Amino acid sequence: MQRRRLARTAIAFLALGLAAALIFWNWPRLTHSDGEMRDPRSEISAVAIGEDIYIAGGIGFFRTLASCEQYNVRTESWQRCADLPRALHHVAMATDGEWLYASGGYIGLPFQQDQNPMLFVHEPGSDRWEELAALPHPIGQHAMVWRSGVLYLVGGQNGEEDLASLWMYDLETDQWRQGPPMPTARHSHAIALTEDTLYVTGGRSAELGTQIDRIEAFDFNANSWRTLPPMPVGRGGHAAFSTPGQLHIVGGENLDEGTVFDRHDILDLETLEWREGPALTGPRHGLAVVHQAGGRTYALGGGAQAGMRTIYSVTGTIFPIETSQ
């Protein structure tokens, strides 16, 4: 009789523990609001094809995500898309307007680097991502962009090494080659693209700390870098985008002070003068920004608290950014 009571008690505690674990694991889904991602996430990038915004991977609620979500700016609704082949955070994304590309990242928390790093490709509407090419080396906290048939991978980290590299993958020839390295090695930076120029902003490095304010611009025609006026506030984990004649810097964090920003700084690319733009609706780091999705600019997800406190402060919001004041 005593053994039966002990067995029932053990089963009851086991059931309670399993229930608590299920509630904890699914808390973001149980509490998510209409208009938000199903999986709140941070340390992300996103891309737009037409009226649809795609986001994949990232840091979720105490875990690394493989899930992909698609937001339609006209219907203001979310739906699932194919999961990444494996859970990855700090994965970089890009698009050529037809296909989605994802590269690098970390397979576990806090920074367990993927030692089999791949460039993945996904056709929207299909049920999977495919391996397109092996990356030259492990990489995370980098950035990626597509231009004229070439994917550019910018900066990041390989293990503890801060990178200044500019890797270029030619989609037609299936070949990697290296471009001129950035003057400043960095990770956790943000990039923006105009017709002829790639802008690399802010970030972190072992040499320069967690509040890099340097902006370096790569001229595709001249195949060379130049330096622009520094950001008003150095930071990492921010986002950047361009509008005609302007470079925008939004959000980010100061790890030394544990501060997360809602600020929006705008550089006039003709006068090279800074001004402050309309702030975000709340402080965010590790967010994604998509410009010209349906004719507007949107901020997605991100952490509301600095550093690894993002694992319990991830957000699933999407909101438009005002680009003028």
C-alpha atoms as a PDB file:
ATOM      1  CA  MET A   1       0.000   0.000   0.000  1.00  0.00           C
ATOM      2  CA  GLN A   2       2.799   2.414   0.920  1.00  0.00           C
ATOM      3  CA  ARG A   3       4.584   1.662  -2.356  1.00  0.00           C
ATOM      4  CA  ARG A   4       1.393   2.393  -4.315  1.00  0.00           C
ATOM      5  CA  ARG A   5       1.004   5.774  -2.602  1.00  0.00           C
ATOM      6  CA  LEU A   6       4.619   6.633  -3.350  1.00  0.00           C
ATOM      7  CA  ALA A   7       4.178   5.571  -6.965  1.00  0.00           C
ATOM      8  CA  ARG A   8       1.009   7.681  -7.332  1.00  0.00           C
ATOM      9  CA  THR A   9       2.786  10.647  -5.748  1.00  0.00           C
ATOM     10  CA  ALA A  10       5.767  10.266  -8.064  1.00  0.00           C
ATOM     11  CA  ILE A  11       3.474  10.041 -11.112  1.00  0.00           C
ATOM     12  CA  ALA A  12       1.558  13.126  -9.966  1.00  0.00           C
ATOM     13  CA  PHE A  13       4.744  15.141  -9.523  1.00  0.00           C
ATOM     14  CA  LEU A  14       6.011  13.921 -12.891  1.00  0.00           C
ATOM     15  CA  ALA A  15       2.751  14.971 -14.542  1.00  0.00           C
ATOM     16  CA  LEU A  16       2.897  18.384 -12.866  1.00  0.00           C
ATOM     17  CA  GLY A  17       6.509  18.801 -13.956  1.00  0.00           C
ATOM     18  CA  LEU A  18       5.669  17.887 -17.556  1.00  0.00           C
ATOM     19  CA  ALA A  19       2.704  20.271 -17.551  1.00  0.00           C
ATOM     20  CA  ALA A  20       4.843  23.083 -16.167  1.00  0.00           C
ATOM     21  CA  ALA A  21       7.535  22.406 -18.778  1.00  0.00           C
ATOM     22  CA  LEU A  22       4.968  22.428 -21.590  1.00  0.00           C
ATOM     23  CA  ILE A  23       3.489  25.715 -20.363  1.00  0.00           C
ATOM     24  CA  PHE A  24       6.965  27.251 -19.992  1.00  0.00           C
ATOM     25  CA  TRP A  25       8.082  26.079 -23.459  1.00  0.00           C
ATOM     26  CA  ASN A  26       4.914  27.273 -25.162  1.00  0.00           C
ATOM     27  CA  TRP A  27       4.379  30.453 -23.135  1.00  0.00           C
ATOM     28  CA  PRO A  28       5.090  32.803 -26.061  1.00  0.00           C
ATOM     29  CA  ARG A  29       2.478  30.996 -28.187  1.00  0.00           C
ATOM     30  CA  LEU A  30      -0.066  30.908 -25.361  1.00  0.00           C
ATOM     31  CA  THR A  31       0.268  34.637 -24.715  1.00  0.00           C
ATOM     32  CA  HIS A  32       0.920  35.990 -28.210  1.00  0.00           C
ATOM     33  CA  SER A  33      -1.410  38.691 -29.537  1.00  0.00           C
ATOM     34  CA  ASP A  34      -3.044  39.017 -32.918  1.00  0.00           C
ATOM     35  CA  GLY A  35      -0.722  40.753 -35.350  1.00  0.00           C
ATOM     36  CA  GLU A  36       2.418  39.334 -33.714  1.00  0.00           C
ATOM     37  CA  MET A  37       4.739  36.531 -34.784  1.00  0.00           C
ATOM     38  CA  ARG A  38       3.856  33.083 -33.547  1.00  0.00           C
ATOM     39  CA  ASP A  39       7.419  32.758 -32.220  1.00  0.00           C
ATOM     40  CA  PRO A  40       8.791  35.986 -30.711  1.00  0.00           C
ATOM     41  CA  ARG A  41      12.469  36.276 -31.620  1.00  0.00           C
ATOM     42  CA  SER A  42      15.633  38.343 -31.516  1.00  0.00           C
ATOM     43  CA  GLU A  43      19.068  38.318 -33.228  1.00  0.00           C
ATOM     44  CA  ILE A  44      17.407  38.126 -36.626  1.00  0.00           C
ATOM     45  CA  SER A  45      17.334  39.498 -40.133  1.00  0.00           C
ATOM     46  CA  ALA A  46      14.433  39.622 -42.565  1.00  0.00           C
ATOM     47  CA  VAL A  47      13.734  40.165 -46.257  1.00  0.00           C
ATOM     48  CA  ALA A  48      10.789  41.209 -48.381  1.00  0.00           C
ATOM     49  CA  ILE A  49       9.462  39.894 -51.684  1.00  0.00           C
ATOM     50  CA  GLY A  50       6.590  41.997 -52.927  1.00  0.00           C
ATOM     51  CA  GLU A  51       4.000  42.351 -50.160  1.00  0.00           C
ATOM     52  CA  ASP A  52       5.479  39.531 -48.061  1.00  0.00           C
ATOM     53  CA  ILE A  53       8.143  39.744 -45.343  1.00  0.00           C
ATOM     54  CA  TYR A  54      10.054  36.594 -44.377  1.00  0.00           C
ATOM     55  CA  ILE A  55      11.925  35.951 -41.149  1.00  0.00           C
ATOM     56  CA  ALA A  56      13.650  32.729 -40.056  1.00  0.00           C
ATOM     57  CA  GLY A  57      15.619  31.475 -37.073  1.00  0.00           C
ATOM     58  CA  GLY A  58      16.775  33.650 -34.179  1.00  0.00           C
ATOM     59  CA  ILE A  59      16.767  33.468 -30.413  1.00  0.00           C
ATOM     60  CA  GLY A  60      13.352  32.631 -29.061  1.00  0.00           C
ATOM     61  CA  PHE A  61      12.107  32.225 -25.502  1.00  0.00           C
ATOM     62  CA  PHE A  62      15.110  30.471 -23.882  1.00  0.00           C
ATOM     63  CA  ARG A  63      15.930  28.603 -27.085  1.00  0.00           C
ATOM     64  CA  THR A  64      17.242  28.787 -30.647  1.00  0.00           C
ATOM     65  CA  LEU A  65      14.624  28.733 -33.412  1.00  0.00           C
ATOM     66  CA  ALA A  66      14.396  27.040 -36.803  1.00  0.00           C
ATOM     67  CA  SER A  67      10.906  28.335 -37.562  1.00  0.00           C
ATOM     68  CA  CYS A  68      10.127  30.623 -40.498  1.00  0.00           C
ATOM     69  CA  GLU A  69       7.251  33.091 -40.595  1.00  0.00           C
ATOM     70  CA  GLN A  70       5.768  35.138 -43.419  1.00  0.00           C
ATOM     71  CA  TYR A  71       3.932  38.447 -42.943  1.00  0.00           C
ATOM     72  CA  ASN A  72       1.693  39.978 -45.600  1.00  0.00           C
ATOM     73  CA  VAL A  73       1.645  43.775 -45.325  1.00  0.00           C
ATOM     74  CA  ARG A  74      -1.699  44.093 -47.128  1.00  0.00           C
ATOM     75  CA  THR A  75      -3.689  41.593 -45.032  1.00  0.00           C
ATOM     76  CA  GLU A  76      -1.569  42.291 -41.909  1.00  0.00           C
ATOM     77  CA  SER A  77      -1.446  38.568 -41.178  1.00  0.00           C
ATOM     78  CA  TRP A  78       1.197  35.957 -40.371  1.00  0.00           C
ATOM     79  CA  GLN A  79       1.567  32.424 -41.661  1.00  0.00           C
ATOM     80  CA  ARG A  80       4.160  29.686 -41.377  1.00  0.00           C
ATOM     81  CA  CYS A  81       6.834  29.027 -43.992  1.00  0.00           C
ATOM     82  CA  ALA A  82       9.315  26.158 -44.194  1.00  0.00           C
ATOM     83  CA  ASP A  83      11.628  25.756 -41.187  1.00  0.00           C
ATOM     84  CA  LEU A  84      15.348  26.186 -41.638  1.00  0.00           C
ATOM     85  CA  PRO A  85      17.220  22.864 -41.886  1.00  0.00           C
ATOM     86  CA  ARG A  86      18.412  23.433 -38.326  1.00  0.00           C
ATOM     87  CA  ALA A  87      17.831  25.913 -35.530  1.00  0.00           C
ATOM     88  CA  LEU A  88      20.111  28.942 -35.946  1.00  0.00           C
ATOM     89  CA  HIS A  89      20.411  32.364 -34.367  1.00  0.00           C
ATOM     90  CA  HIS A  90      22.329  35.328 -35.797  1.00  0.00           C
ATOM     91  CA  VAL A  91      21.646  33.812 -39.217  1.00  0.00           C
ATOM     92  CA  ALA A  92      21.874  36.333 -42.072  1.00  0.00           C
ATOM     93  CA  MET A  93      19.205  36.555 -44.779  1.00  0.00           C
ATOM     94  CA  ALA A  94      18.999  38.084 -48.265  1.00  0.00           C
ATOM     95  CA  THR A  95      16.797  37.871 -51.348  1.00  0.00           C
ATOM     96  CA  ASP A  96      17.110  38.423 -55.086  1.00  0.00           C
ATOM     97  CA  GLY A  97      13.388  39.166 -55.292  1.00  0.00           C
ATOM     98  CA  GLU A  98      12.534  35.560 -56.108  1.00  0.00           C
ATOM     99  CA  TRP A  99      14.476  33.265 -53.748  1.00  0.00           C
ATOM    100  CA  LEU A 100      15.349  33.504 -50.046  1.00  0.00           C
ATOM    101  CA  TYR A 101      18.914  32.936 -48.856  1.00  0.00           C
ATOM    102  CA  ALA A 102      20.188  32.255 -45.321  1.00  0.00           C
ATOM    103  CA  SER A 103      23.790  31.854 -44.152  1.00  0.00           C
ATOM    104  CA  GLY A 104      25.848  31.052 -41.077  1.00  0.00           C
ATOM    105  CA  GLY A 105      24.810  31.559 -37.481  1.00  0.00           C
ATOM    106  CA  TYR A 106      24.927  29.684 -34.175  1.00  0.00           C
ATOM    107  CA  ILE A 107      23.241  26.358 -33.417  1.00  0.00           C
ATOM    108  CA  GLY A 108      22.958  26.845 -29.653  1.00  0.00           C
ATOM    109  CA  LEU A 109      23.044  29.337 -26.802  1.00  0.00           C
ATOM    110  CA  PRO A 110      24.868  31.462 -26.120  1.00  0.00           C
ATOM    111  CA  PHE A 111      27.244  31.294 -29.104  1.00  0.00           C
ATOM    112  CA  GLN A 112      27.724  27.674 -30.165  1.00  0.00           C
ATOM    113  CA  GLN A 113      28.945  28.163 -33.707  1.00  0.00           C
ATOM    114  CA  ASP A 114      27.749  25.977 -36.547  1.00  0.00           C
ATOM    115  CA  GLN A 115      30.834  24.014 -37.617  1.00  0.00           C
ATOM    116  CA  ASN A 116      29.135  22.888 -40.824  1.00  0.00           C
ATOM    117  CA  PRO A 117      28.128  26.349 -42.062  1.00  0.00           C
ATOM    118  CA  MET A 118      25.978  26.466 -45.169  1.00  0.00           C
ATOM    119  CA  LEU A 119      24.333  28.856 -47.560  1.00  0.00           C
ATOM    120  CA  PHE A 120      20.694  27.770 -47.761  1.00  0.00           C
ATOM    121  CA  VAL A 121      18.139  28.688 -50.421  1.00  0.00           C
ATOM    122  CA  HIS A 122      14.331  28.589 -50.278  1.00  0.00           C
ATOM    123  CA  GLU A 123      11.673  29.090 -52.921  1.00  0.00           C
ATOM    124  CA  PRO A 124       8.644  30.738 -51.263  1.00  0.00           C
ATOM    125  CA  GLY A 125       5.724  28.345 -51.215  1.00  0.00           C
ATOM    126  CA  SER A 126       7.904  25.228 -51.197  1.00  0.00           C
ATOM    127  CA  ASP A 127       8.151  22.961 -48.179  1.00  0.00           C
ATOM    128  CA  ARG A 128      11.896  23.084 -47.525  1.00  0.00           C
ATOM    129  CA  TRP A 129      15.201  24.941 -47.636  1.00  0.00           C
ATOM    130  CA  GLU A 130      17.971  23.438 -49.754  1.00  0.00           C
ATOM    131  CA  GLU A 131      21.750  23.502 -49.268  1.00  0.00           C
ATOM    132  CA  LEU A 132      23.207  25.744 -51.959  1.00  0.00           C
ATOM    133  CA  ALA A 133      26.892  25.918 -51.005  1.00  0.00           C
ATOM    134  CA  ALA A 134      29.250  25.445 -48.076  1.00  0.00           C
ATOM    135  CA  LEU A 135      30.485  28.700 -46.563  1.00  0.00           C
ATOM    136  CA  PRO A 136      34.234  29.428 -46.629  1.00  0.00           C
ATOM    137  CA  HIS A 137      34.390  29.062 -42.833  1.00  0.00           C
ATOM    138  CA  PRO A 138      32.150  29.204 -39.742  1.00  0.00           C
ATOM    139  CA  ILE A 139      30.585  32.654 -39.368  1.00  0.00           C
ATOM    140  CA  GLY A 140      27.983  34.394 -37.240  1.00  0.00           C
ATOM    141  CA  GLN A 141      26.897  37.890 -36.235  1.00  0.00           C
ATOM    142  CA  HIS A 142      27.597  38.898 -39.840  1.00  0.00           C
ATOM    143  CA  ALA A 143      25.396  40.522 -42.495  1.00  0.00           C
ATOM    144  CA  MET A 144      24.429  39.496 -46.015  1.00  0.00           C
ATOM    145  CA  VAL A 145      22.929  41.258 -49.022  1.00  0.00           C
ATOM    146  CA  TRP A 146      22.214  40.407 -52.673  1.00  0.00           C
ATOM    147  CA  ARG A 147      23.238  42.663 -55.552  1.00  0.00           C
ATOM    148  CA  SER A 148      23.395  41.898 -59.291  1.00  0.00           C
ATOM    149  CA  GLY A 149      23.620  38.132 -59.022  1.00  0.00           C
ATOM    150  CA  VAL A 150      26.105  38.130 -56.129  1.00  0.00           C
ATOM    151  CA  LEU A 151      25.602  37.517 -52.405  1.00  0.00           C
ATOM    152  CA  TYR A 152      27.891  39.597 -50.174  1.00  0.00           C
ATOM    153  CA  LEU A 153      28.771  38.369 -46.655  1.00  0.00           C
ATOM    154  CA  VAL A 154      30.131  41.195 -44.514  1.00  0.00           C
ATOM    155  CA  GLY A 155      32.156  40.958 -41.300  1.00  0.00           C
ATOM    156  CA  GLY A 156      31.064  38.800 -38.355  1.00  0.00           C
ATOM    157  CA  GLN A 157      32.941  36.359 -36.163  1.00  0.00           C
ATOM    158  CA  ASN A 158      34.674  33.037 -36.749  1.00  0.00           C
ATOM    159  CA  GLY A 159      34.994  31.646 -33.251  1.00  0.00           C
ATOM    160  CA  GLU A 160      36.536  34.501 -31.261  1.00  0.00           C
ATOM    161  CA  GLU A 161      38.021  36.181 -34.328  1.00  0.00           C
ATOM    162  CA  ASP A 162      36.427  39.442 -35.446  1.00  0.00           C
ATOM    163  CA  LEU A 163      36.204  39.570 -39.221  1.00  0.00           C
ATOM    164  CA  ALA A 164      36.817  42.372 -41.714  1.00  0.00           C
ATOM    165  CA  SER A 165      36.105  40.073 -44.649  1.00  0.00           C
ATOM    166  CA  LEU A 166      33.901  40.746 -47.644  1.00  0.00           C
ATOM    167  CA  TRP A 167      32.994  37.381 -49.138  1.00  0.00           C
ATOM    168  CA  MET A 168      31.204  37.273 -52.493  1.00  0.00           C
ATOM    169  CA  TYR A 169      29.240  34.284 -53.796  1.00  0.00           C
ATOM    170  CA  ASP A 170      28.417  34.309 -57.510  1.00  0.00           C
ATOM    171  CA  LEU A 171      25.068  32.560 -57.933  1.00  0.00           C
ATOM    172  CA  GLU A 172      25.714  31.766 -61.583  1.00  0.00           C
ATOM    173  CA  THR A 173      29.198  30.264 -61.273  1.00  0.00           C
ATOM    174  CA  ASP A 174      28.704  28.789 -57.771  1.00  0.00           C
ATOM    175  CA  GLN A 175      32.047  30.276 -56.710  1.00  0.00           C
ATOM    176  CA  TRP A 176      33.249  32.181 -53.635  1.00  0.00           C
ATOM    177  CA  ARG A 177      35.841  34.930 -53.830  1.00  0.00           C
ATOM    178  CA  GLN A 178      37.050  37.627 -51.455  1.00  0.00           C
ATOM    179  CA  GLY A 179      36.685  41.348 -52.004  1.00  0.00           C
ATOM    180  CA  PRO A 180      38.687  44.130 -50.350  1.00  0.00           C
ATOM    181  CA  PRO A 181      38.380  43.756 -46.561  1.00  0.00           C
ATOM    182  CA  MET A 182      36.731  46.439 -44.478  1.00  0.00           C
ATOM    183  CA  PRO A 183      39.074  48.853 -42.712  1.00  0.00           C
ATOM    184  CA  THR A 184      37.431  47.819 -39.409  1.00  0.00           C
ATOM    185  CA  ALA A 185      36.904  44.219 -38.293  1.00  0.00           C
ATOM    186  CA  ARG A 186      33.562  43.940 -36.512  1.00  0.00           C
ATOM    187  CA  HIS A 187      30.495  41.894 -35.691  1.00  0.00           C
ATOM    188  CA  SER A 188      26.942  42.774 -34.572  1.00  0.00           C
ATOM    189  CA  HIS A 189      26.956  45.571 -37.144  1.00  0.00           C
ATOM    190  CA  ALA A 190      24.215  46.580 -39.578  1.00  0.00           C
ATOM    191  CA  ILE A 191      24.366  47.213 -43.302  1.00  0.00           C
ATOM    192  CA  ALA A 192      22.384  49.229 -45.826  1.00  0.00           C
ATOM    193  CA  LEU A 193      22.483  49.232 -49.608  1.00  0.00           C
ATOM    194  CA  THR A 194      22.031  51.909 -52.241  1.00  0.00           C
ATOM    195  CA  GLU A 195      22.458  51.444 -55.984  1.00  0.00           C
ATOM    196  CA  ASP A 196      26.259  51.754 -55.947  1.00  0.00           C
ATOM    197  CA  THR A 197      27.253  51.631 -52.272  1.00  0.00           C
ATOM    198  CA  LEU A 198      27.199  49.241 -49.333  1.00  0.00           C
ATOM    199  CA  TYR A 199      27.219  50.933 -45.905  1.00  0.00           C
ATOM    200  CA  VAL A 200      28.519  49.108 -42.810  1.00  0.00           C
ATOM    201  CA  THR A 201      27.567  50.718 -39.501  1.00  0.00           C
ATOM    202  CA  GLY A 202      28.549  50.296 -35.851  1.00  0.00           C
ATOM    203  CA  GLY A 203      29.043  46.905 -34.238  1.00  0.00           C
ATOM    204  CA  ARG A 204      31.449  45.394 -31.730  1.00  0.00           C
ATOM    205  CA  SER A 205      34.971  43.967 -31.629  1.00  0.00           C
ATOM    206  CA  ALA A 206      37.593  42.877 -29.125  1.00  0.00           C
ATOM    207  CA  GLU A 207      39.772  45.814 -30.184  1.00  0.00           C
ATOM    208  CA  LEU A 208      37.182  48.604 -30.216  1.00  0.00           C
ATOM    209  CA  GLY A 209      34.657  47.398 -27.627  1.00  0.00           C
ATOM    210  CA  THR A 210      30.883  47.234 -27.720  1.00  0.00           C
ATOM    211  CA  GLN A 211      30.125  50.751 -28.981  1.00  0.00           C
ATOM    212  CA  ILE A 212      31.720  51.077 -32.407  1.00  0.00           C
ATOM    213  CA  ASP A 213      30.567  54.283 -34.097  1.00  0.00           C
ATOM    214  CA  ARG A 214      32.463  53.858 -37.378  1.00  0.00           C
ATOM    215  CA  ILE A 215      30.695  53.850 -40.738  1.00  0.00           C
ATOM    216  CA  GLU A 216      32.510  52.491 -43.758  1.00  0.00           C
ATOM    217  CA  ALA A 217      31.140  52.504 -47.293  1.00  0.00           C
ATOM    218  CA  PHE A 218      32.072  50.120 -50.089  1.00  0.00           C
ATOM    219  CA  ASP A 219      31.851  51.585 -53.583  1.00  0.00           C
ATOM    220  CA  PHE A 220      30.972  48.752 -55.973  1.00  0.00           C
ATOM    221  CA  ASN A 221      32.204  50.645 -59.014  1.00  0.00           C
ATOM    222  CA  ALA A 222      35.561  51.657 -57.499  1.00  0.00           C
ATOM    223  CA  ASN A 223      35.915  48.358 -55.587  1.00  0.00           C
ATOM    224  CA  SER A 224      37.152  50.284 -52.552  1.00  0.00           C
ATOM    225  CA  TRP A 225      36.163  51.481 -49.082  1.00  0.00           C
ATOM    226  CA  ARG A 226      35.851  54.989 -47.659  1.00  0.00           C
ATOM    227  CA  THR A 227      35.015  56.284 -44.181  1.00  0.00           C
ATOM    228  CA  LEU A 228      31.975  58.436 -43.343  1.00  0.00           C
ATOM    229  CA  PRO A 229      31.273  60.612 -40.282  1.00  0.00           C
ATOM    230  CA  PRO A 230      30.819  58.509 -37.132  1.00  0.00           C
ATOM    231  CA  MET A 231      27.414  57.665 -35.716  1.00  0.00           C
ATOM    232  CA  PRO A 232      26.109  60.037 -33.012  1.00  0.00           C
ATOM    233  CA  VAL A 233      25.935  57.084 -30.609  1.00  0.00           C
ATOM    234  CA  GLY A 234      28.083  53.987 -31.064  1.00  0.00           C
ATOM    235  CA  ARG A 235      26.238  50.705 -30.664  1.00  0.00           C
ATOM    236  CA  GLY A 236      25.776  47.125 -31.833  1.00  0.00           C
ATOM    237  CA  GLY A 237      22.735  44.956 -32.414  1.00  0.00           C
ATOM    238  CA  HIS A 238      21.013  47.766 -34.313  1.00  0.00           C
ATOM    239  CA  ALA A 239      19.495  47.884 -37.800  1.00  0.00           C
ATOM    240  CA  ALA A 240      20.163  50.106 -40.805  1.00  0.00           C
ATOM    241  CA  PHE A 241      18.431  50.962 -44.074  1.00  0.00           C
ATOM    242  CA  SER A 242      18.576  53.602 -46.759  1.00  0.00           C
ATOM    243  CA  THR A 243      16.064  55.943 -48.346  1.00  0.00           C
ATOM    244  CA  PRO A 244      16.901  58.283 -51.247  1.00  0.00           C
ATOM    245  CA  GLY A 245      19.838  60.412 -50.087  1.00  0.00           C
ATOM    246  CA  GLN A 246      19.706  59.159 -46.487  1.00  0.00           C
ATOM    247  CA  LEU A 247      21.172  56.465 -44.247  1.00  0.00           C
ATOM    248  CA  HIS A 248      19.067  55.411 -41.234  1.00  0.00           C
ATOM    249  CA  ILE A 249      20.279  53.778 -37.993  1.00  0.00           C
ATOM    250  CA  VAL A 250      17.633  52.443 -35.567  1.00  0.00           C
ATOM    251  CA  GLY A 251      17.626  50.649 -32.215  1.00  0.00           C
ATOM    252  CA  GLY A 252      20.611  48.737 -30.863  1.00  0.00           C
ATOM    253  CA  GLU A 253      22.288  48.407 -27.485  1.00  0.00           C
ATOM    254  CA  ASN A 254      25.196  49.507 -25.331  1.00  0.00           C
ATOM    255  CA  LEU A 255      26.384  46.311 -23.629  1.00  0.00           C
ATOM    256  CA  ASP A 256      28.685  48.187 -21.235  1.00  0.00           C
ATOM    257  CA  GLU A 257      25.746  50.070 -19.719  1.00  0.00           C
ATOM    258  CA  GLY A 258      23.043  47.473 -20.393  1.00  0.00           C
ATOM    259  CA  THR A 259      21.089  50.072 -22.385  1.00  0.00           C
ATOM    260  CA  VAL A 260      18.731  49.343 -25.283  1.00  0.00           C
ATOM    261  CA  PHE A 261      17.886  52.188 -27.682  1.00  0.00           C
ATOM    262  CA  ASP A 262      14.737  53.345 -29.417  1.00  0.00           C
ATOM    263  CA  ARG A 263      16.616  56.150 -31.160  1.00  0.00           C
ATOM    264  CA  HIS A 264      16.619  56.747 -34.907  1.00  0.00           C
ATOM    265  CA  ASP A 265      19.551  58.622 -36.429  1.00  0.00           C
ATOM    266  CA  ILE A 266      19.590  59.830 -40.042  1.00  0.00           C
ATOM    267  CA  LEU A 267      22.681  60.742 -42.072  1.00  0.00           C
ATOM    268  CA  ASP A 268      22.227  63.030 -45.074  1.00  0.00           C
ATOM    269  CA  LEU A 269      24.420  61.359 -47.691  1.00  0.00           C
ATOM    270  CA  GLU A 270      25.011  64.642 -49.531  1.00  0.00           C
ATOM    271  CA  THR A 271      25.838  67.005 -46.665  1.00  0.00           C
ATOM    272  CA  LEU A 272      27.116  64.194 -44.370  1.00  0.00           C
ATOM    273  CA  GLU A 273      25.266  65.744 -41.445  1.00  0.00           C
ATOM    274  CA  TRP A 274      23.320  63.805 -38.842  1.00  0.00           C
ATOM    275  CA  ARG A 275      19.870  64.522 -37.461  1.00  0.00           C
ATOM    276  CA  GLU A 276      17.531  62.643 -35.188  1.00  0.00           C
ATOM    277  CA  GLY A 277      14.476  60.972 -36.698  1.00  0.00           C
ATOM    278  CA  PRO A 278      11.239  59.650 -35.179  1.00  0.00           C
ATOM    279  CA  ALA A 279      12.023  57.093 -32.459  1.00  0.00           C
ATOM    280  CA  LEU A 280      10.914  53.485 -32.572  1.00  0.00           C
ATOM    281  CA  THR A 281       7.770  52.597 -30.630  1.00  0.00           C
ATOM    282  CA  GLY A 282       9.998  50.915 -28.044  1.00  0.00           C
ATOM    283  CA  PRO A 283      13.666  50.090 -27.378  1.00  0.00           C
ATOM    284  CA  ARG A 284      14.932  47.083 -29.362  1.00  0.00           C
ATOM    285  CA  HIS A 285      18.182  45.326 -30.155  1.00  0.00           C
ATOM    286  CA  GLY A 286      18.711  42.304 -32.373  1.00  0.00           C
ATOM    287  CA  LEU A 287      15.763  43.489 -34.454  1.00  0.00           C
ATOM    288  CA  ALA A 288      15.221  43.185 -38.187  1.00  0.00           C
ATOM    289  CA  VAL A 289      14.254  46.036 -40.497  1.00  0.00           C
ATOM    290  CA  VAL A 290      12.754  45.639 -43.964  1.00  0.00           C
ATOM    291  CA  HIS A 291      12.575  48.685 -46.212  1.00  0.00           C
ATOM    292  CA  GLN A 292      10.107  49.141 -49.078  1.00  0.00           C
ATOM    293  CA  ALA A 293       7.970  46.124 -48.225  1.00  0.00           C
ATOM    294  CA  GLY A 294       4.697  47.250 -49.775  1.00  0.00           C
ATOM    295  CA  GLY A 295       6.144  50.784 -49.934  1.00  0.00           C
ATOM    296  CA  ARG A 296       6.894  51.161 -46.213  1.00  0.00           C
ATOM    297  CA  THR A 297       9.637  50.356 -43.708  1.00  0.00           C
ATOM    298  CA  TYR A 298       8.982  47.862 -40.917  1.00  0.00           C
ATOM    299  CA  ALA A 299      10.790  46.860 -37.707  1.00  0.00           C
ATOM    300  CA  LEU A 300      10.348  43.260 -36.579  1.00  0.00           C
ATOM    301  CA  GLY A 301      11.004  41.480 -33.297  1.00  0.00           C
ATOM    302  CA  GLY A 302      14.144  42.078 -31.252  1.00  0.00           C
ATOM    303  CA  GLY A 303      14.974  41.960 -27.574  1.00  0.00           C
ATOM    304  CA  ALA A 304      13.689  44.561 -25.139  1.00  0.00           C
ATOM    305  CA  GLN A 305      16.556  44.018 -22.682  1.00  0.00           C
ATOM    306  CA  ALA A 306      20.282  44.045 -23.367  1.00  0.00           C
ATOM    307  CA  GLY A 307      22.659  41.155 -23.939  1.00  0.00           C
ATOM    308  CA  MET A 308      21.545  37.622 -23.151  1.00  0.00           C
ATOM    309  CA  ARG A 309      18.578  38.975 -21.224  1.00  0.00           C
ATOM    310  CA  THR A 310      17.050  38.866 -24.676  1.00  0.00           C
ATOM    311  CA  ILE A 311      16.187  35.191 -24.014  1.00  0.00           C
ATOM    312  CA  TYR A 312      13.298  36.271 -21.782  1.00  0.00           C
ATOM    313  CA  SER A 313      12.525  39.642 -23.396  1.00  0.00           C
ATOM    314  CA  VAL A 314      12.131  38.618 -27.051  1.00  0.00           C
ATOM    315  CA  THR A 315       9.303  40.323 -28.900  1.00  0.00           C
ATOM    316  CA  GLY A 316       7.052  39.324 -31.778  1.00  0.00           C
ATOM    317  CA  THR A 317       5.929  42.771 -32.817  1.00  0.00           C
ATOM    318  CA  ILE A 318       5.980  44.360 -36.243  1.00  0.00           C
ATOM    319  CA  PHE A 319       5.484  48.088 -36.703  1.00  0.00           C
ATOM    320  CA  PRO A 320       6.165  50.700 -39.367  1.00  0.00           C
ATOM    321  CA  ILE A 321       9.086  53.124 -39.007  1.00  0.00           C
ATOM    322  CA  GLU A 322       8.569  56.754 -39.862  1.00  0.00           C
ATOM    323  CA  THR A 323      11.367  57.754 -42.207  1.00  0.00           C
ATOM    324  CA  SER A 324      10.938  61.553 -42.061  1.00  0.00           C
ATOM    325  CA  GLN A 325      10.224  64.189 -39.453  1.00  0.00           C
END
